[in-house]
Each structure stands twice: as structure tokens, then as C-alpha cells.
Amino acid sequence: MVVIADGNRIIHSVNGHNVTEVLDMETPRKPSEGILALQLRASESTTVQFRDIRLRQSKRFPSVASRVQSTSVPNNLSEEEKLAGFELLYNGNDLDGWKASGGNWEGGEGAIARIRAGGDLISEKSVPKDFELRFDWKIEAKGRSGILYRPGQYEYQILDNSLTPEGSSPTKRAGALCFVAGPGHDNTKPPGQWNSGRIVCDGTVIEHWLNDKKILDVDYSSTEWTNRLRRLQKEFPIDLTERGGHLRLQDEGTSVWFRSIRVRRLD
């Protein structure tokens, strides 16, 4: 069993499967720390055994409150993000730290914008092997783009689900791990409005989040997901063992905007 208690988020996992996930909206009224108690009902003649009890402070699962705070001021880090080790990859003013060989991206007025055809925008700083990436994005009507990460073309899909044919396919709609897995429903905001995205890569586990909801959780070391990733290998030469690399913001021929791009290492 695994119990995660981080802020107002509580997760119970049994034998590798999440069985409960709760947002406790009464958290401000409760203490934030306490004791562990192993329960035995005195009125019952029951034997119970525990072993391998271990504890660590969690930094991987931010509370809803910290996520709201972190996006309230674009292109800035909240105090919780600073303590967790996040760093900004976009300064809100220009494309310092990014390469746009086609001259088709601009980095002013608080957002990175694709303004004409010319190719992808690439981060000069490599990302850690295991990381959490947070970002905001918006797209024009009928638009599409994506964030490519880790060598091998893993893609967080960015799309106007409502007006593009791909929006009807779970593995191609916004937030999907393109060609592999995706959300069962549309969780995007209308074109022209900001969405929040999140990518977590921890070993062979990949999570995609969209607007504060986890929409996929893939462990590509499992047989199920290895078979699904063969679809991706048909499209791109992919090596599952490769990590690190540079982020690529895709130029897919339509206007797209990014802001508040921040990353931290997961140890």
C-alpha cells in the first residue's frame, strides 16, 4: 500500500493501482502534521501484520492551492515552487534561452508566440532525466501544436479539439501522449483562452495533466504500454531508454502561445 498526503490531496494505492484520490476542501481547518496509528479494533479477535513501513516527504504531488498560486502571476514562481526547486525556462520578455532558427517565434508581452512558418522552437537548456514541467498554453481556432520532450519524440499534444478532426481521437486530442494514449473527454478551454499543462517523467512513468486534472498515467516498462508505444515507433525512431534532451515547441502551421514554462528535477 502507498498513502500520499500532500496539501489537500490524498491518494491511496493498492498493489500499484490508485484506488482513491480525494481533494480535502476542509484542509485549512485541520493540522498539517501528526502521527501514524496502526489500527486494531479491541472488540474483535483479529490478527493484523505490518512490515516495511517507510516514510518520506513528498515533493512530487503539489496541492491544488499551490497550483492555483503558481499560475496567478504568469512567468513567476510561487514560494512553494521555489522551495520545490522549480526554475523558469521563459523570462516573460524575450527568447533568451531558446533557439528559433526560422525567426518565426517571438517572446514578448508575457508569452512566447509562433507568428509565422519557420520551424520548432528549442530550449537551449536541457531538461533533467526525470522532471516535472508546468506550463500554460493557448491555441487559435483550428490550431495545433505540441511539446516534444525526451529524445525520441514523446509529445504532449496541443490542439483545438472542437474544430479539428484529431479532436475526436483520444490519442490525438489535447493533452494526449500523441499516438499512444489520451484523455477520454475534452478538458480544454475554448480557443484563445489559457490552459494549464503539466508533464511528469519519473523513470519509466509518464503523466500528463490538463487544467489541474491528470488525464493519463503511463508506465512504458509494462507489457501493455510497450505494445502501445509500437504505434509511436511506427511514426518516429524512438529509444525508450533515452532521457534528458531539450524541449521543442512545435510549429504545426498555426498560431500558438506559451507562458509560465517552469521545470524541476525529480530525484
Protein backbone atom coordinates (compact mmCIF):
# COMPACT_ATOMS: atom_id res chain seq x y z
CA MET A 1 0.00 0.00 0.00
CA VAL A 2 1.02 3.58 -0.65
CA VAL A 3 -0.54 6.61 1.01
CA ILE A 4 0.24 10.09 -0.34
CA ALA A 5 -0.91 13.09 1.68
CA ASP A 6 0.22 16.37 0.15
CA GLY A 7 -1.64 19.56 0.95
CA ASN A 8 -5.31 18.83 0.39
CA ARG A 9 -4.66 15.90 -1.95
CA ILE A 10 -4.96 12.35 -0.59
CA ILE A 11 -4.14 9.27 -2.70
CA HIS A 12 -4.42 5.60 -1.68
CA SER A 13 -2.75 2.99 -3.88
CA VAL A 14 -3.01 -0.80 -3.52
CA ASN A 15 -0.65 -3.12 -5.37
CA GLY A 16 0.34 -0.41 -7.82
CA HIS A 17 -3.19 0.81 -8.60
CA ASN A 18 -4.71 4.09 -7.41
CA VAL A 19 -8.00 3.23 -5.72
CA THR A 20 -8.80 6.57 -4.06
CA GLU A 21 -7.96 10.17 -4.91
CA VAL A 22 -9.55 12.92 -2.81
CA LEU A 23 -9.27 16.70 -2.62
CA ASP A 24 -9.99 17.59 1.02
CA MET A 25 -11.54 21.05 0.87
CA GLU A 26 -11.66 21.20 4.71
CA THR A 27 -7.84 21.10 4.96
CA PRO A 28 -7.39 24.67 6.34
CA ARG A 29 -9.31 23.61 9.45
CA LYS A 30 -7.08 20.59 10.14
CA PRO A 31 -3.48 20.25 11.39
CA SER A 32 -0.93 19.70 8.64
CA GLU A 33 1.05 17.06 10.53
CA GLY A 34 0.50 14.41 13.18
CA ILE A 35 1.12 10.75 14.00
CA LEU A 36 0.65 7.43 12.24
CA ALA A 37 -1.58 4.92 14.01
CA LEU A 38 -1.87 1.22 13.17
CA GLN A 39 -5.44 0.33 14.00
CA LEU A 40 -6.70 -2.78 15.77
CA ARG A 41 -10.30 -2.90 16.93
CA ALA A 42 -10.22 -4.08 20.54
CA SER A 43 -13.63 -5.70 20.31
CA GLU A 44 -12.59 -8.09 17.54
CA SER A 45 -10.38 -11.18 17.77
CA THR A 46 -8.28 -10.23 14.73
CA THR A 47 -4.61 -10.59 13.88
CA VAL A 48 -3.03 -7.95 11.64
CA GLN A 49 0.58 -7.67 10.49
CA PHE A 50 2.55 -4.75 9.02
CA ARG A 51 6.06 -4.59 7.59
CA ASP A 52 8.37 -2.39 5.50
CA ILE A 53 6.84 0.81 6.87
CA ARG A 54 8.75 3.75 5.40
CA LEU A 55 8.12 7.46 5.10
CA ARG A 56 9.42 10.33 3.01
CA GLN A 57 8.45 13.93 2.50
CA SER A 58 6.65 14.24 -0.81
CA LYS A 59 7.55 16.96 -3.29
CA ARG A 60 6.12 15.34 -6.37
CA PHE A 61 2.44 16.00 -5.77
CA PRO A 62 1.67 19.72 -5.29
CA SER A 63 -1.57 20.73 -3.65
CA VAL A 64 -4.35 22.40 -5.60
CA ALA A 65 -3.67 25.59 -3.65
CA SER A 66 -0.04 25.70 -4.83
CA ARG A 67 -1.05 25.08 -8.43
CA VAL A 68 -3.52 27.96 -8.36
CA GLN A 69 -0.98 30.24 -6.73
CA SER A 70 1.76 29.32 -9.19
CA THR A 71 -0.32 30.36 -12.20
CA SER A 72 -1.87 33.50 -10.68
CA VAL A 73 1.14 35.63 -11.73
CA PRO A 74 2.38 34.49 -15.15
CA ASN A 75 6.09 33.77 -15.62
CA ASN A 76 6.80 33.78 -11.89
CA LEU A 77 7.40 31.06 -9.32
CA SER A 78 5.28 30.70 -6.20
CA GLU A 79 7.07 30.31 -2.87
CA GLU A 80 6.16 26.62 -2.87
CA GLU A 81 7.63 26.17 -6.33
CA LYS A 82 10.82 27.88 -5.27
CA LEU A 83 11.15 25.53 -2.30
CA ALA A 84 10.44 22.55 -4.54
CA GLY A 85 13.30 23.53 -6.87
CA PHE A 86 11.46 24.83 -9.92
CA GLU A 87 13.20 27.18 -12.34
CA LEU A 88 11.72 29.31 -15.10
CA LEU A 89 12.61 28.46 -18.68
CA TYR A 90 10.92 31.57 -20.08
CA ASN A 91 11.53 35.03 -18.63
CA GLY A 92 8.37 36.64 -19.99
CA ASN A 93 10.24 39.21 -22.09
CA ASP A 94 12.29 37.66 -24.87
CA LEU A 95 13.61 34.36 -26.25
CA ASP A 96 16.73 34.26 -24.12
CA GLY A 97 17.46 30.56 -23.58
CA TRP A 98 15.60 29.43 -26.70
CA LYS A 99 16.62 28.84 -30.34
CA ALA A 100 14.35 29.76 -33.24
CA SER A 101 16.39 29.20 -36.40
CA GLY A 102 13.48 30.21 -38.61
CA GLY A 103 12.90 33.54 -36.85
CA ASN A 104 9.24 32.63 -36.58
CA TRP A 105 8.79 32.90 -32.81
CA GLU A 106 8.61 35.99 -30.58
CA GLY A 107 8.98 36.24 -26.83
CA GLY A 108 7.41 39.50 -25.72
CA GLU A 109 4.30 40.73 -23.88
CA GLY A 110 4.45 37.89 -21.39
CA ALA A 111 4.18 34.97 -23.81
CA ILE A 112 6.09 33.04 -26.43
CA ALA A 113 4.18 33.23 -29.72
CA ARG A 114 4.52 31.43 -33.04
CA ILE A 115 3.95 34.19 -35.60
CA ARG A 116 4.73 32.56 -38.96
CA ALA A 117 6.12 29.40 -40.56
CA GLY A 118 9.74 28.53 -39.90
CA GLY A 119 10.15 25.50 -37.62
CA ASP A 120 10.13 24.48 -33.98
CA LEU A 121 11.42 26.50 -31.01
CA ILE A 122 14.07 24.59 -28.99
CA SER A 123 15.21 25.18 -25.42
CA GLU A 124 18.95 25.74 -25.09
CA LYS A 125 18.96 24.27 -21.58
CA SER A 126 18.49 20.53 -21.42
CA VAL A 127 15.85 19.14 -19.08
CA PRO A 128 16.73 16.65 -16.32
CA LYS A 129 16.39 12.93 -16.95
CA ASP A 130 13.45 12.85 -14.54
CA PHE A 131 11.45 16.05 -14.27
CA GLU A 132 8.19 17.86 -13.73
CA LEU A 133 7.30 20.52 -16.30
CA ARG A 134 4.50 23.05 -15.84
CA PHE A 135 3.32 25.48 -18.48
CA ASP A 136 0.37 27.48 -19.81
CA TRP A 137 -0.75 27.34 -23.44
CA LYS A 138 -3.45 28.65 -25.74
CA ILE A 139 -4.21 27.99 -29.38
CA GLU A 140 -6.09 29.71 -32.20
CA ALA A 141 -9.27 28.22 -33.65
CA LYS A 142 -8.46 25.06 -35.65
CA GLY A 143 -4.90 25.28 -34.31
CA ARG A 144 -2.47 22.57 -33.31
CA SER A 145 0.98 22.35 -31.78
CA GLY A 146 2.75 20.28 -29.14
CA ILE A 147 5.64 20.00 -26.71
CA LEU A 148 8.23 17.38 -27.60
CA TYR A 149 10.31 16.08 -24.69
CA ARG A 150 12.89 13.37 -24.03
CA PRO A 151 14.83 12.20 -27.09
CA GLY A 152 12.54 10.10 -29.23
CA GLN A 153 9.55 12.32 -29.93
CA TYR A 154 7.36 11.96 -26.86
CA GLU A 155 4.73 14.62 -27.46
CA TYR A 156 2.24 16.45 -25.26
CA GLN A 157 -0.40 17.28 -27.85
CA ILE A 158 -1.81 20.81 -28.07
CA LEU A 159 -4.96 21.13 -30.13
CA ASP A 160 -8.27 22.87 -30.67
CA ASN A 161 -10.34 19.75 -30.06
CA SER A 162 -13.60 21.31 -31.18
CA LEU A 163 -12.69 22.28 -34.75
CA THR A 164 -10.01 19.78 -35.83
CA PRO A 165 -10.54 16.17 -36.95
CA GLU A 166 -7.92 14.93 -34.48
CA GLY A 167 -10.06 16.16 -31.59
CA SER A 168 -12.31 13.11 -31.97
CA SER A 169 -9.42 10.69 -31.31
CA PRO A 170 -8.31 10.23 -27.66
CA THR A 171 -4.69 9.58 -28.69
CA LYS A 172 -4.51 12.84 -30.67
CA ARG A 173 -6.61 15.34 -28.73
CA ALA A 174 -5.18 18.00 -26.42
CA GLY A 175 -3.08 16.58 -23.59
CA ALA A 176 -2.52 13.22 -25.26
CA LEU A 177 0.76 11.36 -25.40
CA CYS A 178 0.44 11.58 -29.15
CA PHE A 179 -0.32 8.28 -30.95
CA VAL A 180 -0.16 6.36 -27.64
CA ALA A 181 -2.73 7.42 -25.02
CA GLY A 182 -5.00 10.32 -24.24
CA PRO A 183 -7.98 11.67 -22.31
CA GLY A 184 -11.38 10.11 -22.67
CA HIS A 185 -13.09 13.51 -22.79
CA ASP A 186 -12.35 17.11 -23.75
CA ASN A 187 -10.99 19.09 -20.80
CA THR A 188 -9.78 22.14 -22.76
CA LYS A 189 -10.88 25.75 -22.63
CA PRO A 190 -12.11 27.47 -25.82
CA PRO A 191 -9.52 28.68 -28.38
CA GLY A 192 -7.89 31.91 -27.28
CA GLN A 193 -8.11 31.07 -23.55
CA TRP A 194 -5.20 29.88 -21.42
CA ASN A 195 -4.93 26.23 -20.40
CA SER A 196 -2.52 24.82 -17.82
CA GLY A 197 -0.42 21.79 -18.68
CA ARG A 198 1.89 19.53 -16.74
CA ILE A 199 4.25 16.69 -17.67
CA VAL A 200 5.81 14.38 -15.08
CA CYS A 201 8.57 11.98 -16.16
CA ASP A 202 9.80 9.76 -13.33
CA GLY A 203 11.79 6.78 -14.59
CA THR A 204 9.53 4.84 -16.93
CA VAL A 205 6.38 6.57 -15.64
CA ILE A 206 4.90 9.46 -17.62
CA GLU A 207 1.94 11.59 -16.51
CA HIS A 208 0.11 14.27 -18.49
CA TRP A 209 -2.11 16.82 -16.76
CA LEU A 210 -4.52 19.32 -18.30
CA ASN A 211 -6.22 22.10 -16.35
CA ASP A 212 -5.37 20.50 -12.97
CA LYS A 213 -6.63 17.03 -13.93
CA LYS A 214 -4.38 14.03 -14.55
CA ILE A 215 -5.51 12.68 -17.90
CA LEU A 216 -3.03 9.86 -18.45
CA ASP A 217 -0.57 7.77 -16.45
CA VAL A 218 1.75 5.52 -18.49
CA ASP A 219 4.46 3.12 -17.31
CA TYR A 220 6.19 2.14 -20.52
CA SER A 221 8.12 -0.68 -18.82
CA SER A 222 4.86 -2.66 -18.63
CA THR A 223 3.87 -5.02 -21.43
CA GLU A 224 0.62 -3.15 -22.04
CA TRP A 225 2.30 0.18 -22.70
CA THR A 226 5.28 -1.24 -24.57
CA ASN A 227 2.81 -2.65 -27.08
CA ARG A 228 1.03 0.70 -27.36
CA LEU A 229 4.32 2.54 -27.87
CA ARG A 230 4.90 0.50 -31.00
CA ARG A 231 2.40 2.87 -32.62
CA LEU A 232 4.76 5.72 -31.81
CA GLN A 233 7.75 3.75 -33.09
CA LYS A 234 5.98 3.44 -36.44
CA GLU A 235 5.88 7.23 -36.69
CA PHE A 236 9.30 8.09 -35.18
CA PRO A 237 12.56 6.28 -34.38
CA ILE A 238 12.17 6.06 -30.60
CA ASP A 239 14.51 4.64 -27.97
CA LEU A 240 12.67 4.16 -24.67
CA THR A 241 15.91 4.24 -22.69
CA GLU A 242 16.85 7.80 -23.73
CA ARG A 243 16.16 10.62 -21.27
CA GLY A 244 17.13 14.25 -20.88
CA GLY A 245 17.33 16.21 -24.11
CA HIS A 246 15.74 19.55 -24.98
CA LEU A 247 12.17 20.77 -25.16
CA ARG A 248 10.72 21.58 -28.57
CA LEU A 249 7.68 23.80 -29.02
CA GLN A 250 6.14 22.67 -32.28
CA ASP A 251 5.38 24.79 -35.31
CA GLU A 252 2.42 22.98 -36.85
CA GLY A 253 1.38 25.82 -39.14
CA THR A 254 -0.98 27.66 -36.79
CA SER A 255 -0.69 30.29 -34.06
CA VAL A 256 0.08 29.07 -30.55
CA TRP A 257 1.21 30.81 -27.32
CA PHE A 258 3.14 29.56 -24.27
CA ARG A 259 3.96 31.15 -20.92
CA SER A 260 4.97 30.24 -17.33
CA ILE A 261 7.23 27.41 -18.51
CA ARG A 262 8.95 26.01 -15.44
CA VAL A 263 10.72 22.78 -14.63
CA ARG A 264 12.21 20.94 -11.66
CA ARG A 265 14.34 17.85 -11.23
CA LEU A 266 12.79 14.73 -9.70
CA ASP A 267 15.39 12.81 -7.69
